[in-house]
PDB file of N, CA and C in Angstrom:
ATOM      1  N   MET A   1      39.163 -84.976 -31.974  1.00  0.00           N
ATOM      2  CA  MET A   1      37.898 -84.053 -32.185  1.00  0.00           C
ATOM      3  C   MET A   1      38.018 -83.540 -32.854  1.00  0.00           C
ATOM      4  N   PRO A   2      37.849 -84.120 -34.522  1.00  0.00           N
ATOM      5  CA  PRO A   2      38.375 -83.093 -35.648  1.00  0.00           C
ATOM      6  C   PRO A   2      38.702 -81.269 -35.042  1.00  0.00           C
ATOM      7  N   LEU A   3      39.299 -80.590 -35.750  1.00  0.00           N
ATOM      8  CA  LEU A   3      39.327 -79.524 -35.778  1.00  0.00           C
ATOM      9  C   LEU A   3      38.150 -78.314 -36.374  1.00  0.00           C
ATOM     10  N   ALA A   4      37.286 -79.014 -37.054  1.00  0.00           N
ATOM     11  CA  ALA A   4      36.212 -78.023 -37.741  1.00  0.00           C
ATOM     12  C   ALA A   4      35.219 -78.091 -36.074  1.00  0.00           C
ATOM     13  N   ASP A   5      35.371 -79.477 -35.174  1.00  0.00           N
ATOM     14  CA  ASP A   5      34.582 -79.493 -34.311  1.00  0.00           C
ATOM     15  C   ASP A   5      34.759 -78.958 -33.276  1.00  0.00           C
ATOM     16  N   ILE A   6      36.340 -78.317 -33.078  1.00  0.00           N
ATOM     17  CA  ILE A   6      36.800 -77.717 -31.955  1.00  0.00           C
ATOM     18  C   ILE A   6      36.620 -76.611 -32.466  1.00  0.00           C
ATOM     19  N   ALA A   7      36.353 -75.780 -33.690  1.00  0.00           N
ATOM     20  CA  ALA A   7      36.586 -74.391 -33.564  1.00  0.00           C
ATOM     21  C   ALA A   7      34.890 -74.278 -33.515  1.00  0.00           C
ATOM     22  N   ASP A   8      34.049 -75.301 -33.732  1.00  0.00           N
ATOM     23  CA  ASP A   8      32.749 -74.495 -33.459  1.00  0.00           C
ATOM     24  C   ASP A   8      32.320 -75.007 -31.986  1.00  0.00           C
ATOM     25  N   VAL A   9      32.779 -75.333 -31.008  1.00  0.00           N
ATOM     26  CA  VAL A   9      32.841 -75.294 -29.464  1.00  0.00           C
ATOM     27  C   VAL A   9      33.539 -74.265 -29.602  1.00  0.00           C
ATOM     28  N   LEU A  10      34.847 -73.913 -29.917  1.00  0.00           N
ATOM     29  CA  LEU A  10      35.384 -72.283 -29.466  1.00  0.00           C
ATOM     30  C   LEU A  10      34.776 -71.133 -29.888  1.00  0.00           C
ATOM     31  N   SER A  11      33.646 -71.028 -30.688  1.00  0.00           N
ATOM     32  CA  SER A  11      32.531 -70.073 -31.372  1.00  0.00           C
ATOM     33  C   SER A  11      31.722 -69.742 -30.758  1.00  0.00           C
ATOM     34  N   VAL A  12      31.154 -70.786 -29.429  1.00  0.00           N
ATOM     35  CA  VAL A  12      30.530 -70.549 -28.676  1.00  0.00           C
ATOM     36  C   VAL A  12      31.162 -70.489 -27.172  1.00  0.00           C
ATOM     37  N   SER A  13      29.920 -69.831 -25.920  1.00  0.00           N
ATOM     38  CA  SER A  13      30.820 -70.477 -24.674  1.00  0.00           C
ATOM     39  C   SER A  13      29.667 -70.828 -23.151  1.00  0.00           C
ATOM     40  N   GLY A  14      30.284 -70.785 -22.601  1.00  0.00           N
ATOM     41  CA  GLY A  14      29.443 -71.583 -21.580  1.00  0.00           C
ATOM     42  C   GLY A  14      28.732 -72.978 -21.351  1.00  0.00           C
ATOM     43  N   PRO A  15      27.808 -72.892 -21.302  1.00  0.00           N
ATOM     44  CA  PRO A  15      26.775 -73.885 -20.968  1.00  0.00           C
ATOM     45  C   PRO A  15      27.167 -74.642 -22.628  1.00  0.00           C
ATOM     46  N   GLN A  16      26.963 -73.907 -23.490  1.00  0.00           N
ATOM     47  CA  GLN A  16      26.653 -74.250 -25.093  1.00  0.00           C
ATOM     48  C   GLN A  16      28.404 -75.235 -25.452  1.00  0.00           C
ATOM     49  N   SER A  17      28.946 -74.469 -25.476  1.00  0.00           N
ATOM     50  CA  SER A  17      30.487 -75.142 -25.464  1.00  0.00           C
ATOM     51  C   SER A  17      30.331 -76.534 -24.674  1.00  0.00           C
ATOM     52  N   VAL A  18      30.232 -76.380 -23.275  1.00  0.00           N
ATOM     53  CA  VAL A  18      30.139 -78.256 -22.757  1.00  0.00           C
ATOM     54  C   VAL A  18      28.572 -78.634 -23.100  1.00  0.00           C
ATOM     55  N   SER A  19      27.867 -78.095 -23.820  1.00  0.00           N
ATOM     56  CA  SER A  19      26.476 -79.352 -24.640  1.00  0.00           C
ATOM     57  C   SER A  19      26.993 -80.115 -26.125  1.00  0.00           C
ATOM     58  N   ARG A  20      28.238 -79.297 -26.549  1.00  0.00           N
ATOM     59  CA  ARG A  20      28.905 -79.454 -27.894  1.00  0.00           C
ATOM     60  C   ARG A  20      29.876 -80.457 -27.623  1.00  0.00           C
ATOM     61  N   VAL A  21      30.469 -80.722 -26.437  1.00  0.00           N
ATOM     62  CA  VAL A  21      31.643 -81.208 -26.310  1.00  0.00           C
ATOM     63  C   VAL A  21      30.868 -82.782 -25.867  1.00  0.00           C
ATOM     64  N   GLU A  22      29.825 -82.555 -25.205  1.00  0.00           N
ATOM     65  CA  GLU A  22      28.786 -83.639 -24.603  1.00  0.00           C
ATOM     66  C   GLU A  22      28.750 -84.178 -25.282  1.00  0.00           C
ATOM     67  N   SER A  23      27.841 -83.832 -26.531  1.00  0.00           N
ATOM     68  CA  SER A  23      27.361 -84.343 -27.647  1.00  0.00           C
ATOM     69  C   SER A  23      28.109 -84.822 -28.605  1.00  0.00           C
ATOM     70  N   TYR A  24      29.663 -84.515 -28.956  1.00  0.00           N
ATOM     71  CA  TYR A  24      30.638 -85.187 -29.841  1.00  0.00           C
ATOM     72  C   TYR A  24      31.011 -85.878 -28.928  1.00  0.00           C
ATOM     73  N   TRP A  25      31.150 -86.114 -27.531  1.00  0.00           N
ATOM     74  CA  TRP A  25      31.514 -87.526 -27.153  1.00  0.00           C
ATOM     75  C   TRP A  25      30.790 -88.562 -26.973  1.00  0.00           C
ATOM     76  N   ARG A  26      29.068 -88.299 -26.384  1.00  0.00           N
ATOM     77  CA  ARG A  26      28.492 -89.326 -26.562  1.00  0.00           C
ATOM     78  C   ARG A  26      28.143 -89.802 -28.266  1.00  0.00           C
ATOM     79  N   ASP A  27      28.184 -89.612 -29.437  1.00  0.00           N
ATOM     80  CA  ASP A  27      28.691 -89.527 -30.656  1.00  0.00           C
ATOM     81  C   ASP A  27      29.668 -90.902 -31.075  1.00  0.00           C
ATOM     82  N   ALA A  28      30.941 -89.751 -29.878  1.00  0.00           N
ATOM     83  CA  ALA A  28      32.407 -90.636 -30.470  1.00  0.00           C
ATOM     84  C   ALA A  28      31.695 -92.005 -29.889  1.00  0.00           C
ATOM     85  N   GLU A  29      31.288 -92.653 -28.381  1.00  0.00           N
ATOM     86  CA  GLU A  29      31.367 -93.487 -27.698  1.00  0.00           C
ATOM     87  C   GLU A  29      30.279 -94.416 -28.714  1.00  0.00           C
ATOM     88  N   THR A  30      29.359 -94.284 -29.371  1.00  0.00           N
ATOM     89  CA  THR A  30      28.250 -94.765 -30.068  1.00  0.00           C
ATOM     90  C   THR A  30      29.218 -95.258 -30.971  1.00  0.00           C
ATOM     91  N   ARG A  31      29.686 -94.678 -31.712  1.00  0.00           N
ATOM     92  CA  ARG A  31      30.547 -95.360 -33.138  1.00  0.00           C
ATOM     93  C   ARG A  31      31.284 -95.742 -32.690  1.00  0.00           C
ATOM     94  N   HIS A  32      32.434 -95.993 -31.528  1.00  0.00           N
ATOM     95  CA  HIS A  32      33.029 -96.750 -30.902  1.00  0.00           C
ATOM     96  C   HIS A  32      32.500 -98.053 -30.866  1.00  0.00           C
ATOM     97  N   SER A  33      31.454 -97.720 -29.665  1.00  0.00           N
ATOM     98  CA  SER A  33      30.683 -99.434 -29.284  1.00  0.00           C
ATOM     99  C   SER A  33      30.393-100.116 -30.786  1.00  0.00           C
ATOM    100  N   ALA A  34      29.431 -99.236 -31.601  1.00  0.00           N
ATOM    101  CA  ALA A  34      29.132 -99.675 -32.563  1.00  0.00           C
ATOM    102  C   ALA A  34      30.554-100.832 -33.556  1.00  0.00           C
ATOM    103  N   ARG A  35      31.480-100.719 -33.832  1.00  0.00           N
ATOM    104  CA  ARG A  35      32.773-101.046 -34.354  1.00  0.00           C
ATOM    105  C   ARG A  35      33.493-102.075 -33.577  1.00  0.00           C
ATOM    106  N   ARG A  36      33.620-102.354 -31.833  1.00  0.00           N
ATOM    107  CA  ARG A  36      34.032-103.106 -31.339  1.00  0.00           C
ATOM    108  C   ARG A  36      33.931-104.530 -31.446  1.00  0.00           C
ATOM    109  N   PRO A  37      32.422-104.983 -31.786  1.00  0.00           N
ATOM    110  CA  PRO A  37      32.705-106.419 -32.350  1.00  0.00           C
ATOM    111  C   PRO A  37      33.472-106.627 -33.800  1.00  0.00           C
ATOM    112  N   LEU A  38      33.587-105.290 -34.484  1.00  0.00           N
ATOM    113  CA  LEU A  38      34.720-105.937 -36.072  1.00  0.00           C
ATOM    114  C   LEU A  38      35.741-105.850 -35.890  1.00  0.00           C
ATOM    115  N   VAL A  39      35.924-105.042 -35.045  1.00  0.00           N
ATOM    116  CA  VAL A  39      37.556-105.026 -33.974  1.00  0.00           C
ATOM    117  C   VAL A  39      38.633-106.163 -33.662  1.00  0.00           C
ATOM    118  N   SER A  40      37.349-107.018 -32.602  1.00  0.00           N
ATOM    119  CA  SER A  40      37.323-108.115 -31.989  1.00  0.00           C
ATOM    120  C   SER A  40      37.508-109.367 -33.183  1.00  0.00           C
ATOM    121  N   HIS A  41      37.043-109.486 -34.142  1.00  0.00           N
ATOM    122  CA  HIS A  41      36.874-110.453 -34.963  1.00  0.00           C
ATOM    123  C   HIS A  41      38.297-109.851 -36.120  1.00  0.00           C
ATOM    124  N   LEU A  42      38.275-108.977 -36.503  1.00  0.00           N
ATOM    125  CA  LEU A  42      39.560-108.583 -37.201  1.00  0.00           C
ATOM    126  C   LEU A  42      40.720-108.953 -35.947  1.00  0.00           C
ATOM    127  N   LEU A  43      40.801-108.264 -34.606  1.00  0.00           N
ATOM    128  CA  LEU A  43      42.258-109.132 -34.324  1.00  0.00           C
ATOM    129  C   LEU A  43      41.739-111.128 -34.467  1.00  0.00           C
ATOM    130  N   GLU A  44      40.994-111.027 -33.725  1.00  0.00           N
ATOM    131  CA  GLU A  44      40.420-113.027 -33.959  1.00  0.00           C
ATOM    132  C   GLU A  44      41.480-113.391 -35.455  1.00  0.00           C
ATOM    133  N   LEU A  45      41.177-112.999 -36.179  1.00  0.00           N
ATOM    134  CA  LEU A  45      41.718-113.437 -37.894  1.00  0.00           C
ATOM    135  C   LEU A  45      42.838-112.670 -37.659  1.00  0.00           C
ATOM    136  N   LEU A  46      43.792-111.929 -37.729  1.00  0.00           N
ATOM    137  CA  LEU A  46      44.776-111.638 -37.528  1.00  0.00           C
ATOM    138  C   LEU A  46      45.985-112.480 -36.606  1.00  0.00           C
ATOM    139  N   ASN A  47      45.153-112.877 -35.468  1.00  0.00           N
ATOM    140  CA  ASN A  47      46.076-113.885 -34.437  1.00  0.00           C
ATOM    141  C   ASN A  47      45.714-115.551 -35.004  1.00  0.00           C
ATOM    142  N   ASP A  48      45.093-115.435 -36.078  1.00  0.00           N
ATOM    143  CA  ASP A  48      44.719-116.821 -36.454  1.00  0.00           C
ATOM    144  C   ASP A  48      44.026-117.695 -35.581  1.00  0.00           C
ATOM    145  N   GLN A  49      43.132-116.934 -34.636  1.00  0.00           N
ATOM    146  CA  GLN A  49      42.220-117.777 -33.913  1.00  0.00           C
ATOM    147  C   GLN A  49      40.934-117.794 -34.297  1.00  0.00           C
ATOM    148  N   GLY A  50      40.552-116.934 -35.166  1.00  0.00           N
ATOM    149  CA  GLY A  50      39.346-116.636 -35.588  1.00  0.00           C
ATOM    150  C   GLY A  50      38.545-118.037 -36.783  1.00  0.00           C
ATOM    151  N   THR A  51      37.337-118.075 -36.378  1.00  0.00           N
ATOM    152  CA  THR A  51      37.047-119.221 -36.757  1.00  0.00           C
ATOM    153  C   THR A  51      36.676-119.196 -38.559  1.00  0.00           C
ATOM    154  N   PRO A  52      37.045-120.191 -39.373  1.00  0.00           N
ATOM    155  CA  PRO A  52      37.087-120.269 -40.852  1.00  0.00           C
ATOM    156  C   PRO A  52      35.396-119.562 -41.237  1.00  0.00           C
ATOM    157  N   MET A  53      35.619-119.106 -42.893  1.00  0.00           N
ATOM    158  CA  MET A  53      34.636-119.179 -43.447  1.00  0.00           C
ATOM    159  C   MET A  53      33.423-119.942 -43.424  1.00  0.00           C
ATOM    160  N   ALA A  54      32.174-119.358 -43.730  1.00  0.00           N
ATOM    161  CA  ALA A  54      31.346-120.331 -43.166  1.00  0.00           C
ATOM    162  C   ALA A  54      31.492-120.986 -44.943  1.00  0.00           C
ATOM    163  N   TYR A  55      31.905-120.574 -45.982  1.00  0.00           N
ATOM    164  CA  TYR A  55      32.297-121.515 -46.972  1.00  0.00           C
ATOM    165  C   TYR A  55      33.553-121.532 -47.921  1.00  0.00           C
ATOM    166  N   LYS A  56      33.552-122.588 -48.457  1.00  0.00           N
ATOM    167  CA  LYS A  56      35.149-122.612 -49.111  1.00  0.00           C
ATOM    168  C   LYS A  56      34.857-122.368 -50.642  1.00  0.00           C
ATOM    169  N   VAL A  57      35.790-122.020 -51.538  1.00  0.00           N
ATOM    170  CA  VAL A  57      36.393-121.068 -52.071  1.00  0.00           C
ATOM    171  C   VAL A  57      36.827-122.253 -53.282  1.00  0.00           C
ATOM    172  N   HIS A  58      36.138-122.988 -54.327  1.00  0.00           N
ATOM    173  CA  HIS A  58      36.887-123.691 -55.150  1.00  0.00           C
ATOM    174  C   HIS A  58      37.403-123.228 -56.112  1.00  0.00           C
ATOM    175  N   HIS A  59      38.462-123.685 -56.707  1.00  0.00           N
ATOM    176  CA  HIS A  59      39.193-123.320 -58.387  1.00  0.00           C
ATOM    177  C   HIS A  59      39.246-124.270 -59.342  1.00  0.00           C
ATOM    178  N   ARG A  60      38.995-123.618 -60.141  1.00  0.00           N
ATOM    179  CA  ARG A  60      38.787-124.519 -61.441  1.00  0.00           C
ATOM    180  C   ARG A  60      39.115-123.975 -63.255  1.00  0.00           C
ATOM    181  N   ASP A  61      40.009-124.581 -63.654  1.00  0.00           N
ATOM    182  CA  ASP A  61      40.078-123.696 -65.204  1.00  0.00           C
ATOM    183  C   ASP A  61      38.878-124.165 -66.248  1.00  0.00           C
ATOM    184  N   VAL A  62      38.905-123.324 -67.009  1.00  0.00           N
ATOM    185  CA  VAL A  62      37.805-123.320 -67.239  1.00  0.00           C
ATOM    186  C   VAL A  62      38.761-123.126 -68.713  1.00  0.00           C
ATOM    187  N   PRO A  63      38.104-124.026 -70.369  1.00  0.00           N
ATOM    188  CA  PRO A  63      38.020-123.532 -71.125  1.00  0.00           C
ATOM    189  C   PRO A  63      38.218-121.770 -71.759  1.00  0.00           C
ATOM    190  N   ALA A  64      38.926-121.463 -72.456  1.00  0.00           N
ATOM    191  CA  ALA A  64      38.699-120.371 -73.182  1.00  0.00           C
ATOM    192  C   ALA A  64      37.105-120.530 -73.855  1.00  0.00           C
ATOM    193  N   GLN A  65      36.301-119.261 -74.001  1.00  0.00           N
ATOM    194  CA  GLN A  65      35.384-119.155 -74.564  1.00  0.00           C
ATOM    195  C   GLN A  65      35.007-117.776 -75.580  1.00  0.00           C
ATOM    196  N   ARG A  66      34.133-118.021 -76.363  1.00  0.00           N
ATOM    197  CA  ARG A  66      33.284-117.042 -77.170  1.00  0.00           C
ATOM    198  C   ARG A  66      32.428-116.731 -76.182  1.00  0.00           C
TER     199      ARG A  66
END
């Protein structure tokens, strides 16, 4: 939890502080859940187990042009 959010939680008390922590955690879980497929894909690529790109990159020499 970022320090600004901690300060926000500490600025209130009781049920409000609990509600703010719950809200922060719910948002954090949503963000992490959305990133899970990206992380899995990245780990596969880093382990050389990922599927190849859907396209090929071709290189060619082109003479200088004006």
